[in-house]
Amino acid sequence: MRKYESVFIFAPNLSEEERVAKFDRMKNVIETTGATVDIDEWGTRKLAYDINDFKEGYYYVCTYEANNEVLTEVDRIAHITDGLLRNLVIKLDN
């Protein structure tokens, strides 16, 4: 398994319950065969540019260990999740 870092940016108009439920879904996908190392909740931050007419987004940064199947599933779930503005996965050096 390799170490990765993901950034998830959610729409700021989601309620806290909705946002937590959507992030928990992403986290559960990671934890099916991977292991979550660290979750950092940055909160609401200004975006560098407007995304879907939003000027702010709610950020989560998650560091974890996973295999390629988990990354594929995270990407698939991210594309069909309403309220998730952007996600980015970065492979970390060992």
PDB file of N, CA and C in Angstrom:
ATOM      1  N   MET A   1       0.840  -1.180   0.000  1.00  0.00           N
ATOM      2  CA  MET A   1       0.000   0.000   0.000  1.00  0.00           C
ATOM      3  C   MET A   1       0.883   1.241   0.000  1.00  0.00           C
ATOM      4  N   ARG A   2       0.392   2.255  -0.669  1.00  0.00           N
ATOM      5  CA  ARG A   2       1.117   3.522  -0.764  1.00  0.00           C
ATOM      6  C   ARG A   2       0.418   4.590   0.061  1.00  0.00           C
ATOM      7  N   LYS A   3       1.156   5.643   0.352  1.00  0.00           N
ATOM      8  CA  LYS A   3       0.620   6.734   1.148  1.00  0.00           C
ATOM      9  C   LYS A   3       0.133   7.846   0.221  1.00  0.00           C
ATOM     10  N   TYR A   4      -1.080   8.350   0.499  1.00  0.00           N
ATOM     11  CA  TYR A   4      -1.697   9.393  -0.309  1.00  0.00           C
ATOM     12  C   TYR A   4      -2.252  10.493   0.576  1.00  0.00           C
ATOM     13  N   GLU A   5      -2.440  11.655  -0.053  1.00  0.00           N
ATOM     14  CA  GLU A   5      -3.106  12.768   0.601  1.00  0.00           C
ATOM     15  C   GLU A   5      -4.201  13.259  -0.340  1.00  0.00           C
ATOM     16  N   SER A   6      -5.402  13.432   0.177  1.00  0.00           N
ATOM     17  CA  SER A   6      -6.524  13.917  -0.623  1.00  0.00           C
ATOM     18  C   SER A   6      -7.071  15.195  -0.019  1.00  0.00           C
ATOM     19  N   VAL A   7      -7.472  16.097  -0.897  1.00  0.00           N
ATOM     20  CA  VAL A   7      -8.148  17.322  -0.494  1.00  0.00           C
ATOM     21  C   VAL A   7      -9.553  17.255  -1.066  1.00  0.00           C
ATOM     22  N   PHE A   8     -10.547  17.444  -0.212  1.00  0.00           N
ATOM     23  CA  PHE A   8     -11.941  17.462  -0.621  1.00  0.00           C
ATOM     24  C   PHE A   8     -12.498  18.846  -0.325  1.00  0.00           C
ATOM     25  N   ILE A   9     -13.087  19.491  -1.329  1.00  0.00           N
ATOM     26  CA  ILE A   9     -13.676  20.818  -1.151  1.00  0.00           C
ATOM     27  C   ILE A   9     -15.181  20.701  -1.368  1.00  0.00           C
ATOM     28  N   PHE A  10     -15.928  20.987  -0.324  1.00  0.00           N
ATOM     29  CA  PHE A  10     -17.382  20.899  -0.376  1.00  0.00           C
ATOM     30  C   PHE A  10     -17.992  22.286  -0.517  1.00  0.00           C
ATOM     31  N   ALA A  11     -19.193  22.334  -1.085  1.00  0.00           N
ATOM     32  CA  ALA A  11     -19.922  23.583  -1.238  1.00  0.00           C
ATOM     33  C   ALA A  11     -20.239  24.167   0.136  1.00  0.00           C
ATOM     34  N   PRO A  12     -20.106  25.472   0.296  1.00  0.00           N
ATOM     35  CA  PRO A  12     -20.341  26.078   1.609  1.00  0.00           C
ATOM     36  C   PRO A  12     -21.817  26.139   1.996  1.00  0.00           C
ATOM     37  N   ASN A  13     -22.719  25.903   1.051  1.00  0.00           N
ATOM     38  CA  ASN A  13     -24.145  25.987   1.370  1.00  0.00           C
ATOM     39  C   ASN A  13     -24.711  24.678   1.926  1.00  0.00           C
ATOM     40  N   LEU A  14     -23.891  23.638   2.050  1.00  0.00           N
ATOM     41  CA  LEU A  14     -24.346  22.384   2.652  1.00  0.00           C
ATOM     42  C   LEU A  14     -24.465  22.549   4.165  1.00  0.00           C
ATOM     43  N   SER A  15     -25.445  21.902   4.750  1.00  0.00           N
ATOM     44  CA  SER A  15     -25.540  21.925   6.205  1.00  0.00           C
ATOM     45  C   SER A  15     -24.415  21.059   6.777  1.00  0.00           C
ATOM     46  N   GLU A  16     -24.136  21.242   8.041  1.00  0.00           N
ATOM     47  CA  GLU A  16     -23.059  20.479   8.669  1.00  0.00           C
ATOM     48  C   GLU A  16     -23.336  18.978   8.603  1.00  0.00           C
ATOM     49  N   GLU A  17     -24.586  18.582   8.811  1.00  0.00           N
ATOM     50  CA  GLU A  17     -24.943  17.161   8.770  1.00  0.00           C
ATOM     51  C   GLU A  17     -24.726  16.572   7.377  1.00  0.00           C
ATOM     52  N   GLU A  18     -25.133  17.323   6.351  1.00  0.00           N
ATOM     53  CA  GLU A  18     -24.939  16.849   4.971  1.00  0.00           C
ATOM     54  C   GLU A  18     -23.464  16.712   4.637  1.00  0.00           C
ATOM     55  N   ARG A  19     -22.695  17.740   5.001  1.00  0.00           N
ATOM     56  CA  ARG A  19     -21.263  17.746   4.700  1.00  0.00           C
ATOM     57  C   ARG A  19     -20.548  16.596   5.408  1.00  0.00           C
ATOM     58  N   VAL A  20     -20.850  16.388   6.677  1.00  0.00           N
ATOM     59  CA  VAL A  20     -20.218  15.307   7.437  1.00  0.00           C
ATOM     60  C   VAL A  20     -20.609  13.950   6.855  1.00  0.00           C
ATOM     61  N   ALA A  21     -21.876  13.793   6.468  1.00  0.00           N
ATOM     62  CA  ALA A  21     -22.325  12.527   5.882  1.00  0.00           C
ATOM     63  C   ALA A  21     -21.601  12.242   4.560  1.00  0.00           C
ATOM     64  N   LYS A  22     -21.432  13.264   3.737  1.00  0.00           N
ATOM     65  CA  LYS A  22     -20.749  13.085   2.450  1.00  0.00           C
ATOM     66  C   LYS A  22     -19.261  12.784   2.654  1.00  0.00           C
ATOM     67  N   PHE A  23     -18.632  13.464   3.620  1.00  0.00           N
ATOM     68  CA  PHE A  23     -17.223  13.178   3.891  1.00  0.00           C
ATOM     69  C   PHE A  23     -17.057  11.796   4.509  1.00  0.00           C
ATOM     70  N   ASP A  24     -17.970  11.403   5.392  1.00  0.00           N
ATOM     71  CA  ASP A  24     -17.900  10.066   5.991  1.00  0.00           C
ATOM     72  C   ASP A  24     -18.012   8.980   4.935  1.00  0.00           C
ATOM     73  N   ARG A  25     -18.801   9.232   3.903  1.00  0.00           N
ATOM     74  CA  ARG A  25     -18.902   8.266   2.804  1.00  0.00           C
ATOM     75  C   ARG A  25     -17.552   8.107   2.111  1.00  0.00           C
ATOM     76  N   MET A  26     -16.862   9.233   1.867  1.00  0.00           N
ATOM     77  CA  MET A  26     -15.528   9.177   1.250  1.00  0.00           C
ATOM     78  C   MET A  26     -14.544   8.459   2.177  1.00  0.00           C
ATOM     79  N   LYS A  27     -14.631   8.776   3.465  1.00  0.00           N
ATOM     80  CA  LYS A  27     -13.731   8.158   4.443  1.00  0.00           C
ATOM     81  C   LYS A  27     -13.973   6.654   4.541  1.00  0.00           C
ATOM     82  N   ASN A  28     -15.224   6.225   4.496  1.00  0.00           N
ATOM     83  CA  ASN A  28     -15.535   4.796   4.553  1.00  0.00           C
ATOM     84  C   ASN A  28     -15.010   4.049   3.340  1.00  0.00           C
ATOM     85  N   VAL A  29     -15.038   4.674   2.176  1.00  0.00           N
ATOM     86  CA  VAL A  29     -14.473   4.054   0.970  1.00  0.00           C
ATOM     87  C   VAL A  29     -12.969   3.839   1.161  1.00  0.00           C
ATOM     88  N   ILE A  30     -12.305   4.821   1.720  1.00  0.00           N
ATOM     89  CA  ILE A  30     -10.860   4.713   1.956  1.00  0.00           C
ATOM     90  C   ILE A  30     -10.565   3.612   2.973  1.00  0.00           C
ATOM     91  N   GLU A  31     -11.362   3.532   4.026  1.00  0.00           N
ATOM     92  CA  GLU A  31     -11.089   2.587   5.104  1.00  0.00           C
ATOM     93  C   GLU A  31     -11.513   1.158   4.792  1.00  0.00           C
ATOM     94  N   THR A  32     -12.168   0.897   3.652  1.00  0.00           N
ATOM     95  CA  THR A  32     -12.567  -0.474   3.322  1.00  0.00           C
ATOM     96  C   THR A  32     -11.348  -1.373   3.195  1.00  0.00           C
ATOM     97  N   THR A  33     -10.333  -0.935   2.464  1.00  0.00           N
ATOM     98  CA  THR A  33      -9.104  -1.723   2.342  1.00  0.00           C
ATOM     99  C   THR A  33      -7.867  -0.907   2.689  1.00  0.00           C
ATOM    100  N   GLY A  34      -8.049   0.359   2.964  1.00  0.00           N
ATOM    101  CA  GLY A  34      -6.923   1.216   3.328  1.00  0.00           C
ATOM    102  C   GLY A  34      -6.961   1.562   4.803  1.00  0.00           C
ATOM    103  N   ALA A  35      -6.084   2.460   5.182  1.00  0.00           N
ATOM    104  CA  ALA A  35      -6.011   2.883   6.581  1.00  0.00           C
ATOM    105  C   ALA A  35      -5.859   4.399   6.631  1.00  0.00           C
ATOM    106  N   THR A  36      -6.778   5.063   7.316  1.00  0.00           N
ATOM    107  CA  THR A  36      -6.711   6.506   7.473  1.00  0.00           C
ATOM    108  C   THR A  36      -5.649   6.848   8.513  1.00  0.00           C
ATOM    109  N   VAL A  37      -4.748   7.748   8.142  1.00  0.00           N
ATOM    110  CA  VAL A  37      -3.678   8.149   9.044  1.00  0.00           C
ATOM    111  C   VAL A  37      -4.039   9.440   9.773  1.00  0.00           C
ATOM    112  N   ASP A  38      -4.527  10.426   9.012  1.00  0.00           N
ATOM    113  CA  ASP A  38      -4.794  11.729   9.608  1.00  0.00           C
ATOM    114  C   ASP A  38      -5.900  12.434   8.819  1.00  0.00           C
ATOM    115  N   ILE A  39      -6.796  13.085   9.529  1.00  0.00           N
ATOM    116  CA  ILE A  39      -7.835  13.898   8.895  1.00  0.00           C
ATOM    117  C   ILE A  39      -7.738  15.296   9.489  1.00  0.00           C
ATOM    118  N   ASP A  40      -7.583  16.271   8.606  1.00  0.00           N
ATOM    119  CA  ASP A  40      -7.447  17.661   9.025  1.00  0.00           C
ATOM    120  C   ASP A  40      -8.606  18.455   8.423  1.00  0.00           C
ATOM    121  N   GLU A  41      -9.445  19.019   9.269  1.00  0.00           N
ATOM    122  CA  GLU A  41     -10.591  19.794   8.812  1.00  0.00           C
ATOM    123  C   GLU A  41     -10.207  21.266   8.819  1.00  0.00           C
ATOM    124  N   TRP A  42     -10.027  21.835   7.630  1.00  0.00           N
ATOM    125  CA  TRP A  42      -9.592  23.221   7.514  1.00  0.00           C
ATOM    126  C   TRP A  42     -10.731  24.207   7.670  1.00  0.00           C
ATOM    127  N   GLY A  43     -11.933  23.780   7.370  1.00  0.00           N
ATOM    128  CA  GLY A  43     -13.076  24.678   7.468  1.00  0.00           C
ATOM    129  C   GLY A  43     -13.277  25.473   6.188  1.00  0.00           C
ATOM    130  N   THR A  44     -13.997  26.572   6.306  1.00  0.00           N
ATOM    131  CA  THR A  44     -14.322  27.401   5.139  1.00  0.00           C
ATOM    132  C   THR A  44     -13.142  28.286   4.778  1.00  0.00           C
ATOM    133  N   ARG A  45     -12.765  28.221   3.508  1.00  0.00           N
ATOM    134  CA  ARG A  45     -11.669  29.038   2.983  1.00  0.00           C
ATOM    135  C   ARG A  45     -12.103  29.669   1.667  1.00  0.00           C
ATOM    136  N   LYS A  46     -11.485  30.775   1.334  1.00  0.00           N
ATOM    137  CA  LYS A  46     -11.755  31.436   0.062  1.00  0.00           C
ATOM    138  C   LYS A  46     -11.095  30.632  -1.058  1.00  0.00           C
ATOM    139  N   LEU A  47     -11.819  30.454  -2.153  1.00  0.00           N
ATOM    140  CA  LEU A  47     -11.282  29.741  -3.311  1.00  0.00           C
ATOM    141  C   LEU A  47     -10.431  30.680  -4.160  1.00  0.00           C
ATOM    142  N   ALA A  48      -9.475  30.141  -4.879  1.00  0.00           N
ATOM    143  CA  ALA A  48      -8.631  30.950  -5.744  1.00  0.00           C
ATOM    144  C   ALA A  48      -9.437  31.510  -6.915  1.00  0.00           C
ATOM    145  N   TYR A  49     -10.451  30.760  -7.340  1.00  0.00           N
ATOM    146  CA  TYR A  49     -11.345  31.203  -8.413  1.00  0.00           C
ATOM    147  C   TYR A  49     -12.725  30.608  -8.141  1.00  0.00           C
ATOM    148  N   ASP A  50     -13.745  31.204  -8.735  1.00  0.00           N
ATOM    149  CA  ASP A  50     -15.114  30.728  -8.514  1.00  0.00           C
ATOM    150  C   ASP A  50     -15.298  29.337  -9.095  1.00  0.00           C
ATOM    151  N   ILE A  51     -15.955  28.472  -8.343  1.00  0.00           N
ATOM    152  CA  ILE A  51     -16.324  27.133  -8.803  1.00  0.00           C
ATOM    153  C   ILE A  51     -17.834  27.034  -8.652  1.00  0.00           C
ATOM    154  N   ASN A  52     -18.532  26.861  -9.760  1.00  0.00           N
ATOM    155  CA  ASN A  52     -19.998  26.780  -9.752  1.00  0.00           C
ATOM    156  C   ASN A  52     -20.616  27.968  -9.011  1.00  0.00           C
ATOM    157  N   ASP A  53     -20.079  29.148  -9.234  1.00  0.00           N
ATOM    158  CA  ASP A  53     -20.540  30.408  -8.628  1.00  0.00           C
ATOM    159  C   ASP A  53     -20.305  30.493  -7.126  1.00  0.00           C
ATOM    160  N   PHE A  54     -19.480  29.614  -6.562  1.00  0.00           N
ATOM    161  CA  PHE A  54     -19.111  29.693  -5.147  1.00  0.00           C
ATOM    162  C   PHE A  54     -17.756  30.374  -5.031  1.00  0.00           C
ATOM    163  N   LYS A  55     -17.636  31.267  -4.071  1.00  0.00           N
ATOM    164  CA  LYS A  55     -16.371  31.955  -3.817  1.00  0.00           C
ATOM    165  C   LYS A  55     -15.616  31.329  -2.652  1.00  0.00           C
ATOM    166  N   GLU A  56     -16.300  30.461  -1.879  1.00  0.00           N
ATOM    167  CA  GLU A  56     -15.697  29.786  -0.742  1.00  0.00           C
ATOM    168  C   GLU A  56     -16.008  28.300  -0.818  1.00  0.00           C
ATOM    169  N   GLY A  57     -15.215  27.524  -0.103  1.00  0.00           N
ATOM    170  CA  GLY A  57     -15.444  26.090  -0.013  1.00  0.00           C
ATOM    171  C   GLY A  57     -15.036  25.588   1.352  1.00  0.00           C
ATOM    172  N   TYR A  58     -15.566  24.440   1.736  1.00  0.00           N
ATOM    173  CA  TYR A  58     -15.245  23.827   3.020  1.00  0.00           C
ATOM    174  C   TYR A  58     -14.249  22.702   2.763  1.00  0.00           C
ATOM    175  N   TYR A  59     -13.048  22.807   3.351  1.00  0.00           N
ATOM    176  CA  TYR A  59     -11.937  21.920   3.049  1.00  0.00           C
ATOM    177  C   TYR A  59     -11.745  20.815   4.080  1.00  0.00           C
ATOM    178  N   TYR A  60     -11.454  19.614   3.572  1.00  0.00           N
ATOM    179  CA  TYR A  60     -10.956  18.494   4.371  1.00  0.00           C
ATOM    180  C   TYR A  60      -9.676  18.005   3.708  1.00  0.00           C
ATOM    181  N   VAL A  61      -8.647  17.742   4.512  1.00  0.00           N
ATOM    182  CA  VAL A  61      -7.411  17.147   4.019  1.00  0.00           C
ATOM    183  C   VAL A  61      -7.237  15.822   4.745  1.00  0.00           C
ATOM    184  N   CYS A  62      -7.081  14.753   3.978  1.00  0.00           N
ATOM    185  CA  CYS A  62      -7.041  13.408   4.532  1.00  0.00           C
ATOM    186  C   CYS A  62      -5.769  12.703   4.052  1.00  0.00           C
ATOM    187  N   THR A  63      -4.977  12.191   4.985  1.00  0.00           N
ATOM    188  CA  THR A  63      -3.790  11.409   4.664  1.00  0.00           C
ATOM    189  C   THR A  63      -4.092   9.952   4.990  1.00  0.00           C
ATOM    190  N   TYR A  64      -3.749   9.048   4.062  1.00  0.00           N
ATOM    191  CA  TYR A  64      -4.115   7.648   4.238  1.00  0.00           C
ATOM    192  C   TYR A  64      -3.198   6.734   3.436  1.00  0.00           C
ATOM    193  N   GLU A  65      -3.288   5.449   3.738  1.00  0.00           N
ATOM    194  CA  GLU A  65      -2.589   4.412   2.983  1.00  0.00           C
ATOM    195  C   GLU A  65      -3.641   3.588   2.262  1.00  0.00           C
ATOM    196  N   ALA A  66      -3.410   3.343   0.961  1.00  0.00           N
ATOM    197  CA  ALA A  66      -4.409   2.617   0.179  1.00  0.00           C
ATOM    198  C   ALA A  66      -3.754   2.009  -1.056  1.00  0.00           C
ATOM    199  N   ASN A  67      -4.542   1.182  -1.750  1.00  0.00           N
ATOM    200  CA  ASN A  67      -4.084   0.614  -3.020  1.00  0.00           C
ATOM    201  C   ASN A  67      -4.831   1.287  -4.173  1.00  0.00           C
ATOM    202  N   ASN A  68      -4.536   0.886  -5.395  1.00  0.00           N
ATOM    203  CA  ASN A  68      -5.108   1.538  -6.567  1.00  0.00           C
ATOM    204  C   ASN A  68      -6.624   1.384  -6.660  1.00  0.00           C
ATOM    205  N   GLU A  69      -7.169   0.263  -6.205  1.00  0.00           N
ATOM    206  CA  GLU A  69      -8.618   0.059  -6.276  1.00  0.00           C
ATOM    207  C   GLU A  69      -9.352   1.088  -5.428  1.00  0.00           C
ATOM    208  N   VAL A  70      -8.783   1.437  -4.290  1.00  0.00           N
ATOM    209  CA  VAL A  70      -9.402   2.441  -3.417  1.00  0.00           C
ATOM    210  C   VAL A  70      -9.407   3.798  -4.107  1.00  0.00           C
ATOM    211  N   LEU A  71      -8.320   4.149  -4.772  1.00  0.00           N
ATOM    212  CA  LEU A  71      -8.245   5.436  -5.464  1.00  0.00           C
ATOM    213  C   LEU A  71      -9.282   5.520  -6.578  1.00  0.00           C
ATOM    214  N   THR A  72      -9.456   4.431  -7.295  1.00  0.00           N
ATOM    215  CA  THR A  72     -10.458   4.395  -8.362  1.00  0.00           C
ATOM    216  C   THR A  72     -11.854   4.599  -7.794  1.00  0.00           C
ATOM    217  N   GLU A  73     -12.146   3.951  -6.674  1.00  0.00           N
ATOM    218  CA  GLU A  73     -13.466   4.074  -6.050  1.00  0.00           C
ATOM    219  C   GLU A  73     -13.672   5.473  -5.468  1.00  0.00           C
ATOM    220  N   VAL A  74     -12.649   6.056  -4.866  1.00  0.00           N
ATOM    221  CA  VAL A  74     -12.750   7.420  -4.332  1.00  0.00           C
ATOM    222  C   VAL A  74     -13.055   8.388  -5.475  1.00  0.00           C
ATOM    223  N   ASP A  75     -12.379   8.233  -6.595  1.00  0.00           N
ATOM    224  CA  ASP A  75     -12.610   9.099  -7.749  1.00  0.00           C
ATOM    225  C   ASP A  75     -14.029   8.920  -8.284  1.00  0.00           C
ATOM    226  N   ARG A  76     -14.507   7.694  -8.351  1.00  0.00           N
ATOM    227  CA  ARG A  76     -15.861   7.426  -8.836  1.00  0.00           C
ATOM    228  C   ARG A  76     -16.909   8.060  -7.926  1.00  0.00           C
ATOM    229  N   ILE A  77     -16.756   7.863  -6.614  1.00  0.00           N
ATOM    230  CA  ILE A  77     -17.704   8.423  -5.649  1.00  0.00           C
ATOM    231  C   ILE A  77     -17.657   9.957  -5.680  1.00  0.00           C
ATOM    232  N   ALA A  78     -16.462  10.520  -5.837  1.00  0.00           N
ATOM    233  CA  ALA A  78     -16.322  11.978  -5.875  1.00  0.00           C
ATOM    234  C   ALA A  78     -17.072  12.574  -7.067  1.00  0.00           C
ATOM    235  N   HIS A  79     -17.056  11.906  -8.191  1.00  0.00           N
ATOM    236  CA  HIS A  79     -17.732  12.430  -9.379  1.00  0.00           C
ATOM    237  C   HIS A  79     -19.255  12.400  -9.266  1.00  0.00           C
ATOM    238  N   ILE A  80     -19.805  11.511  -8.453  1.00  0.00           N
ATOM    239  CA  ILE A  80     -21.258  11.421  -8.351  1.00  0.00           C
ATOM    240  C   ILE A  80     -21.817  12.057  -7.077  1.00  0.00           C
ATOM    241  N   THR A  81     -20.953  12.630  -6.253  1.00  0.00           N
ATOM    242  CA  THR A  81     -21.388  13.246  -4.996  1.00  0.00           C
ATOM    243  C   THR A  81     -21.772  14.702  -5.233  1.00  0.00           C
ATOM    244  N   ASP A  82     -23.043  15.009  -5.010  1.00  0.00           N
ATOM    245  CA  ASP A  82     -23.500  16.398  -5.104  1.00  0.00           C
ATOM    246  C   ASP A  82     -22.934  17.182  -3.932  1.00  0.00           C
ATOM    247  N   GLY A  83     -22.510  18.399  -4.198  1.00  0.00           N
ATOM    248  CA  GLY A  83     -21.978  19.242  -3.136  1.00  0.00           C
ATOM    249  C   GLY A  83     -20.469  19.167  -2.996  1.00  0.00           C
ATOM    250  N   LEU A  84     -19.835  18.207  -3.655  1.00  0.00           N
ATOM    251  CA  LEU A  84     -18.375  18.133  -3.648  1.00  0.00           C
ATOM    252  C   LEU A  84     -17.882  18.917  -4.851  1.00  0.00           C
ATOM    253  N   LEU A  85     -17.247  20.060  -4.590  1.00  0.00           N
ATOM    254  CA  LEU A  85     -16.812  20.927  -5.677  1.00  0.00           C
ATOM    255  C   LEU A  85     -15.564  20.399  -6.377  1.00  0.00           C
ATOM    256  N   ARG A  86     -14.572  19.995  -5.598  1.00  0.00           N
ATOM    257  CA  ARG A  86     -13.319  19.497  -6.161  1.00  0.00           C
ATOM    258  C   ARG A  86     -12.699  18.482  -5.208  1.00  0.00           C
ATOM    259  N   ASN A  87     -11.893  17.583  -5.783  1.00  0.00           N
ATOM    260  CA  ASN A  87     -11.056  16.701  -4.993  1.00  0.00           C
ATOM    261  C   ASN A  87      -9.735  16.521  -5.705  1.00  0.00           C
ATOM    262  N   LEU A  88      -8.700  16.280  -4.940  1.00  0.00           N
ATOM    263  CA  LEU A  88      -7.356  16.102  -5.476  1.00  0.00           C
ATOM    264  C   LEU A  88      -6.669  15.021  -4.669  1.00  0.00           C
ATOM    265  N   VAL A  89      -6.031  14.084  -5.366  1.00  0.00           N
ATOM    266  CA  VAL A  89      -5.277  13.012  -4.709  1.00  0.00           C
ATOM    267  C   VAL A  89      -3.813  13.172  -5.081  1.00  0.00           C
ATOM    268  N   ILE A  90      -2.950  13.140  -4.077  1.00  0.00           N
ATOM    269  CA  ILE A  90      -1.517  13.276  -4.280  1.00  0.00           C
ATOM    270  C   ILE A  90      -0.815  12.096  -3.651  1.00  0.00           C
ATOM    271  N   LYS A  91       0.090  11.467  -4.392  1.00  0.00           N
ATOM    272  CA  LYS A  91       0.883  10.366  -3.841  1.00  0.00           C
ATOM    273  C   LYS A  91       2.055  10.972  -3.068  1.00  0.00           C
ATOM    274  N   LEU A  92       2.213  10.563  -1.823  1.00  0.00           N
ATOM    275  CA  LEU A  92       3.286  11.065  -0.971  1.00  0.00           C
ATOM    276  C   LEU A  92       4.511  10.168  -1.082  1.00  0.00           C
ATOM    277  N   ASP A  93       5.682  10.769  -0.920  1.00  0.00           N
ATOM    278  CA  ASP A  93       6.923   9.986  -0.896  1.00  0.00           C
ATOM    279  C   ASP A  93       7.003   9.230   0.413  1.00  0.00           C
ATOM    280  N   ASN A  94       7.617   8.063   0.353  1.00  0.00           N
ATOM    281  CA  ASN A  94       7.743   7.246   1.582  1.00  0.00           C
ATOM    282  C   ASN A  94       8.788   7.776   2.472  1.00  0.00           C
TER     283      ASN A  94
END
